[in-house]
Each structure stands twice: as C-alpha cells, then as structure tokens.
C-alpha cells in the first residue's frame, strides 16, 4: 500500500535534484561569464590607465630640459635688464 506513495516521493526527489542541478549549471555559467567580463574590463582599464614607463620617462626628460632652458633664458634676460637699469 505504501509502494505507490514511495514511488511518487522518489519521483519528487528526482525532480528536485534535477531542478537543483539545472540551477547550479546556470549559476556556474553565469559565474564564468562574469569572470570573463571582469577580465575584459580589467584589460580595457589597464590599456587606458596604465602608463608606459619608457614613454613617461622620455616625456619627463623633455619637460625638464624645456623648463631648465626657460629658467636660463629668463635669468639671462633678467640679468641684462637689471644691468641696463643700473647703468
């Protein structure tokens, strides 16, 4: 008499296990897609935000050279103007 009820319970358990498996598969797929998107976004951010060390150093040296040249030019002009003023 309990056999039909046990068979229904077994089918019910199998159905729930299958549903859980399907949900787990979807969650794993979603986690993989999210991980791939994070990796892609990190790559894009890295391309935009990271500085190229060699290029940055060349730019820094050029800027320093220009700044020193401007200081020397300013000092030369100021010295001549001051000497002209004192004469």
N, C-alpha and C. Protein backbone atom coordinates (compact mmCIF):
# COMPACT_ATOMS: atom_id res chain seq x y z
N UNK A 1 0.83 -1.20 0.00
CA UNK A 1 0.00 0.00 0.00
C UNK A 1 0.87 1.27 0.00
N UNK A 2 2.06 1.18 0.57
CA UNK A 2 2.95 2.34 0.62
C UNK A 2 3.81 2.47 -0.64
N UNK A 3 3.80 1.41 -1.46
CA UNK A 3 4.64 1.42 -2.65
C UNK A 3 4.31 2.56 -3.61
N UNK A 4 3.06 2.82 -3.93
CA UNK A 4 2.75 3.95 -4.84
C UNK A 4 3.18 5.30 -4.25
N UNK A 5 2.99 5.47 -2.95
CA UNK A 5 3.39 6.73 -2.30
C UNK A 5 4.91 6.90 -2.34
N UNK A 6 5.66 5.80 -2.10
CA UNK A 6 7.11 5.85 -2.17
C UNK A 6 7.59 6.15 -3.58
N UNK A 7 6.93 5.62 -4.57
CA UNK A 7 7.29 5.88 -5.96
C UNK A 7 7.09 7.36 -6.29
N UNK A 8 5.99 7.94 -5.80
CA UNK A 8 5.75 9.36 -6.03
C UNK A 8 6.79 10.22 -5.31
N UNK A 9 7.15 9.79 -4.10
CA UNK A 9 8.18 10.53 -3.35
C UNK A 9 9.53 10.44 -4.07
N UNK A 10 9.83 9.26 -4.62
CA UNK A 10 11.09 9.10 -5.35
C UNK A 10 11.12 10.01 -6.58
N UNK A 11 10.02 10.06 -7.31
CA UNK A 11 9.94 10.93 -8.48
C UNK A 11 10.06 12.40 -8.07
N UNK A 12 9.45 12.74 -6.95
CA UNK A 12 9.51 14.11 -6.45
C UNK A 12 10.95 14.48 -6.09
N UNK A 13 11.66 13.59 -5.43
CA UNK A 13 13.06 13.84 -5.06
C UNK A 13 13.91 13.97 -6.32
N UNK A 14 13.73 13.08 -7.27
CA UNK A 14 14.50 13.13 -8.52
C UNK A 14 14.23 14.44 -9.25
N UNK A 15 12.97 14.88 -9.25
CA UNK A 15 12.62 16.13 -9.90
C UNK A 15 13.32 17.31 -9.23
N UNK A 16 13.34 17.33 -7.90
CA UNK A 16 14.01 18.41 -7.18
C UNK A 16 15.53 18.39 -7.38
N UNK A 17 16.11 17.20 -7.42
CA UNK A 17 17.55 17.08 -7.68
C UNK A 17 17.87 17.58 -9.09
N UNK A 18 17.04 17.25 -10.05
CA UNK A 18 17.25 17.72 -11.42
C UNK A 18 17.12 19.24 -11.49
N UNK A 19 16.12 19.79 -10.81
CA UNK A 19 15.95 21.24 -10.79
C UNK A 19 17.16 21.92 -10.15
N UNK A 20 17.65 21.34 -9.05
CA UNK A 20 18.83 21.89 -8.39
C UNK A 20 20.05 21.83 -9.30
N UNK A 21 20.19 20.74 -10.02
CA UNK A 21 21.31 20.60 -10.97
C UNK A 21 21.24 21.63 -12.07
N UNK A 22 20.03 21.88 -12.57
CA UNK A 22 19.87 22.87 -13.63
C UNK A 22 20.20 24.27 -13.10
N UNK A 23 19.77 24.58 -11.89
CA UNK A 23 20.08 25.89 -11.29
C UNK A 23 21.58 26.02 -11.08
N UNK A 24 22.22 24.98 -10.59
CA UNK A 24 23.68 25.02 -10.38
C UNK A 24 24.42 25.22 -11.69
N UNK A 25 23.98 24.57 -12.74
CA UNK A 25 24.62 24.73 -14.04
C UNK A 25 24.48 26.17 -14.53
N UNK A 26 23.30 26.76 -14.37
CA UNK A 26 23.10 28.15 -14.76
C UNK A 26 23.97 29.08 -13.93
N UNK A 27 24.07 28.82 -12.62
CA UNK A 27 24.91 29.66 -11.76
C UNK A 27 26.38 29.56 -12.15
N UNK A 28 26.85 28.37 -12.46
CA UNK A 28 28.24 28.20 -12.88
C UNK A 28 28.51 28.91 -14.20
N UNK A 29 27.57 28.83 -15.13
CA UNK A 29 27.71 29.51 -16.41
C UNK A 29 27.74 31.02 -16.21
N UNK A 30 26.86 31.51 -15.34
CA UNK A 30 26.82 32.95 -15.06
C UNK A 30 28.10 33.40 -14.38
N UNK A 31 28.61 32.60 -13.46
CA UNK A 31 29.87 32.94 -12.79
C UNK A 31 31.03 32.99 -13.79
N UNK A 32 31.05 32.05 -14.72
CA UNK A 32 32.10 32.05 -15.74
C UNK A 32 32.00 33.28 -16.63
N UNK A 33 30.79 33.62 -17.05
CA UNK A 33 30.60 34.82 -17.88
C UNK A 33 31.00 36.08 -17.12
N UNK A 34 30.64 36.16 -15.85
CA UNK A 34 31.01 37.33 -15.05
C UNK A 34 32.52 37.42 -14.91
N UNK A 35 33.17 36.31 -14.69
CA UNK A 35 34.63 36.29 -14.58
C UNK A 35 35.28 36.75 -15.88
N UNK A 36 34.76 36.28 -17.02
CA UNK A 36 35.30 36.70 -18.32
C UNK A 36 35.09 38.20 -18.55
N UNK A 37 33.94 38.71 -18.13
CA UNK A 37 33.68 40.14 -18.29
C UNK A 37 34.60 40.96 -17.40
N UNK A 38 34.84 40.50 -16.19
CA UNK A 38 35.75 41.21 -15.29
C UNK A 38 37.14 41.26 -15.89
N UNK A 39 37.60 40.13 -16.43
CA UNK A 39 38.91 40.09 -17.07
C UNK A 39 38.99 41.06 -18.25
N UNK A 40 37.95 41.09 -19.06
CA UNK A 40 37.92 42.00 -20.21
C UNK A 40 37.93 43.46 -19.76
N UNK A 41 37.14 43.77 -18.74
CA UNK A 41 37.09 45.14 -18.24
C UNK A 41 38.42 45.55 -17.63
N UNK A 42 39.06 44.64 -16.91
CA UNK A 42 40.36 44.95 -16.33
C UNK A 42 41.39 45.22 -17.42
N UNK A 43 41.31 44.47 -18.50
CA UNK A 43 42.22 44.68 -19.63
C UNK A 43 41.98 46.04 -20.27
N UNK A 44 40.71 46.40 -20.46
CA UNK A 44 40.40 47.70 -21.05
C UNK A 44 40.84 48.85 -20.15
N UNK A 45 40.60 48.73 -18.86
CA UNK A 45 41.01 49.76 -17.91
C UNK A 45 42.52 49.87 -17.88
N UNK A 46 43.19 48.73 -17.93
CA UNK A 46 44.65 48.72 -17.92
C UNK A 46 45.20 49.44 -19.14
N UNK A 47 44.60 49.22 -20.30
CA UNK A 47 45.07 49.88 -21.52
C UNK A 47 44.91 51.39 -21.43
N UNK A 48 43.84 51.85 -20.77
CA UNK A 48 43.57 53.28 -20.68
C UNK A 48 44.33 53.95 -19.54
N UNK A 49 44.53 53.25 -18.43
CA UNK A 49 45.05 53.89 -17.22
C UNK A 49 46.54 53.69 -16.99
N UNK A 50 47.08 52.58 -17.40
CA UNK A 50 48.49 52.30 -17.13
C UNK A 50 49.39 53.18 -17.98
N UNK A 51 50.48 53.62 -17.38
CA UNK A 51 51.44 54.46 -18.10
C UNK A 51 52.56 53.60 -18.66
N UNK A 52 52.99 53.94 -19.87
CA UNK A 52 54.15 53.30 -20.46
C UNK A 52 55.38 53.96 -19.85
N UNK A 53 56.17 53.20 -19.10
CA UNK A 53 57.28 53.75 -18.34
C UNK A 53 58.30 54.45 -19.24
N UNK A 54 58.68 53.84 -20.33
CA UNK A 54 59.67 54.44 -21.22
C UNK A 54 59.15 55.76 -21.80
N UNK A 55 57.92 55.76 -22.26
CA UNK A 55 57.33 56.98 -22.84
C UNK A 55 57.21 58.07 -21.78
N UNK A 56 56.84 57.71 -20.57
CA UNK A 56 56.70 58.68 -19.49
C UNK A 56 58.04 59.29 -19.13
N UNK A 57 59.09 58.48 -19.08
CA UNK A 57 60.42 59.00 -18.76
C UNK A 57 60.94 59.93 -19.84
N UNK A 58 60.72 59.59 -21.09
CA UNK A 58 61.14 60.46 -22.19
C UNK A 58 60.41 61.80 -22.11
N UNK A 59 59.12 61.75 -21.84
CA UNK A 59 58.33 62.98 -21.71
C UNK A 59 58.80 63.82 -20.52
N UNK A 60 59.11 63.16 -19.41
CA UNK A 60 59.61 63.86 -18.23
C UNK A 60 60.94 64.55 -18.52
N UNK A 61 61.85 63.84 -19.17
CA UNK A 61 63.15 64.43 -19.50
C UNK A 61 63.01 65.62 -20.45
N UNK A 62 62.13 65.50 -21.42
CA UNK A 62 61.91 66.61 -22.36
C UNK A 62 61.33 67.82 -21.62
N UNK A 63 60.41 67.58 -20.71
CA UNK A 63 59.81 68.67 -19.95
C UNK A 63 60.84 69.33 -19.04
N UNK A 64 61.68 68.52 -18.40
CA UNK A 64 62.72 69.07 -17.53
C UNK A 64 63.72 69.92 -18.33
N UNK A 65 64.10 69.44 -19.50
CA UNK A 65 65.03 70.18 -20.35
C UNK A 65 64.41 71.51 -20.78
N UNK A 66 63.16 71.49 -21.18
CA UNK A 66 62.48 72.72 -21.58
C UNK A 66 62.37 73.69 -20.41
N UNK A 67 62.08 73.18 -19.23
CA UNK A 67 61.96 74.02 -18.03
C UNK A 67 63.30 74.66 -17.69
N UNK A 68 64.37 73.87 -17.74
CA UNK A 68 65.71 74.42 -17.45
C UNK A 68 66.11 75.46 -18.49
N UNK A 69 65.79 75.24 -19.73
CA UNK A 69 66.10 76.21 -20.78
C UNK A 69 65.32 77.50 -20.56
N UNK A 70 64.07 77.39 -20.16
CA UNK A 70 63.27 78.59 -19.88
C UNK A 70 63.82 79.35 -18.69
N UNK A 71 64.26 78.64 -17.66
CA UNK A 71 64.86 79.31 -16.50
C UNK A 71 66.14 80.03 -16.88
N UNK A 72 66.97 79.39 -17.69
CA UNK A 72 68.23 80.02 -18.11
C UNK A 72 67.96 81.24 -18.98
N UNK A 73 67.00 81.13 -19.87
CA UNK A 73 66.65 82.27 -20.73
C UNK A 73 66.11 83.41 -19.89
N UNK A 74 65.25 83.11 -18.95
CA UNK A 74 64.70 84.13 -18.08
C UNK A 74 65.78 84.80 -17.24
N UNK A 75 66.71 84.01 -16.74
CA UNK A 75 67.81 84.57 -15.94
C UNK A 75 68.69 85.46 -16.80
N UNK A 76 68.96 85.07 -18.03
CA UNK A 76 69.78 85.88 -18.93
C UNK A 76 69.09 87.19 -19.25
N UNK A 77 67.82 87.14 -19.56
CA UNK A 77 67.06 88.36 -19.89
C UNK A 77 66.97 89.26 -18.66
N UNK A 78 66.71 88.69 -17.52
CA UNK A 78 66.59 89.48 -16.29
C UNK A 78 67.92 90.13 -15.95
N UNK A 79 69.01 89.42 -16.11
CA UNK A 79 70.33 89.95 -15.80
C UNK A 79 70.64 91.14 -16.71
N UNK A 80 70.34 90.99 -18.02
CA UNK A 80 70.60 92.10 -18.94
C UNK A 80 69.72 93.29 -18.62
N UNK A 81 68.48 93.06 -18.31
CA UNK A 81 67.55 94.16 -18.00
C UNK A 81 67.97 94.86 -16.72
N UNK A 82 68.41 94.13 -15.74
CA UNK A 82 68.83 94.70 -14.48
C UNK A 82 70.11 95.51 -14.67
N UNK A 83 71.03 94.98 -15.49
CA UNK A 83 72.27 95.71 -15.76
C UNK A 83 71.98 96.98 -16.55
N UNK A 84 71.06 96.94 -17.50
CA UNK A 84 70.69 98.13 -18.25
C UNK A 84 70.05 99.16 -17.33
N UNK A 85 69.28 98.71 -16.40
CA UNK A 85 68.60 99.60 -15.47
C UNK A 85 69.61 100.28 -14.54
N UNK A 86 70.62 99.52 -14.12
CA UNK A 86 71.62 100.08 -13.20
C UNK A 86 72.54 101.06 -13.90
N UNK A 87 72.75 100.95 -15.16
CA UNK A 87 73.63 101.85 -15.91
C UNK A 87 72.96 103.18 -15.98
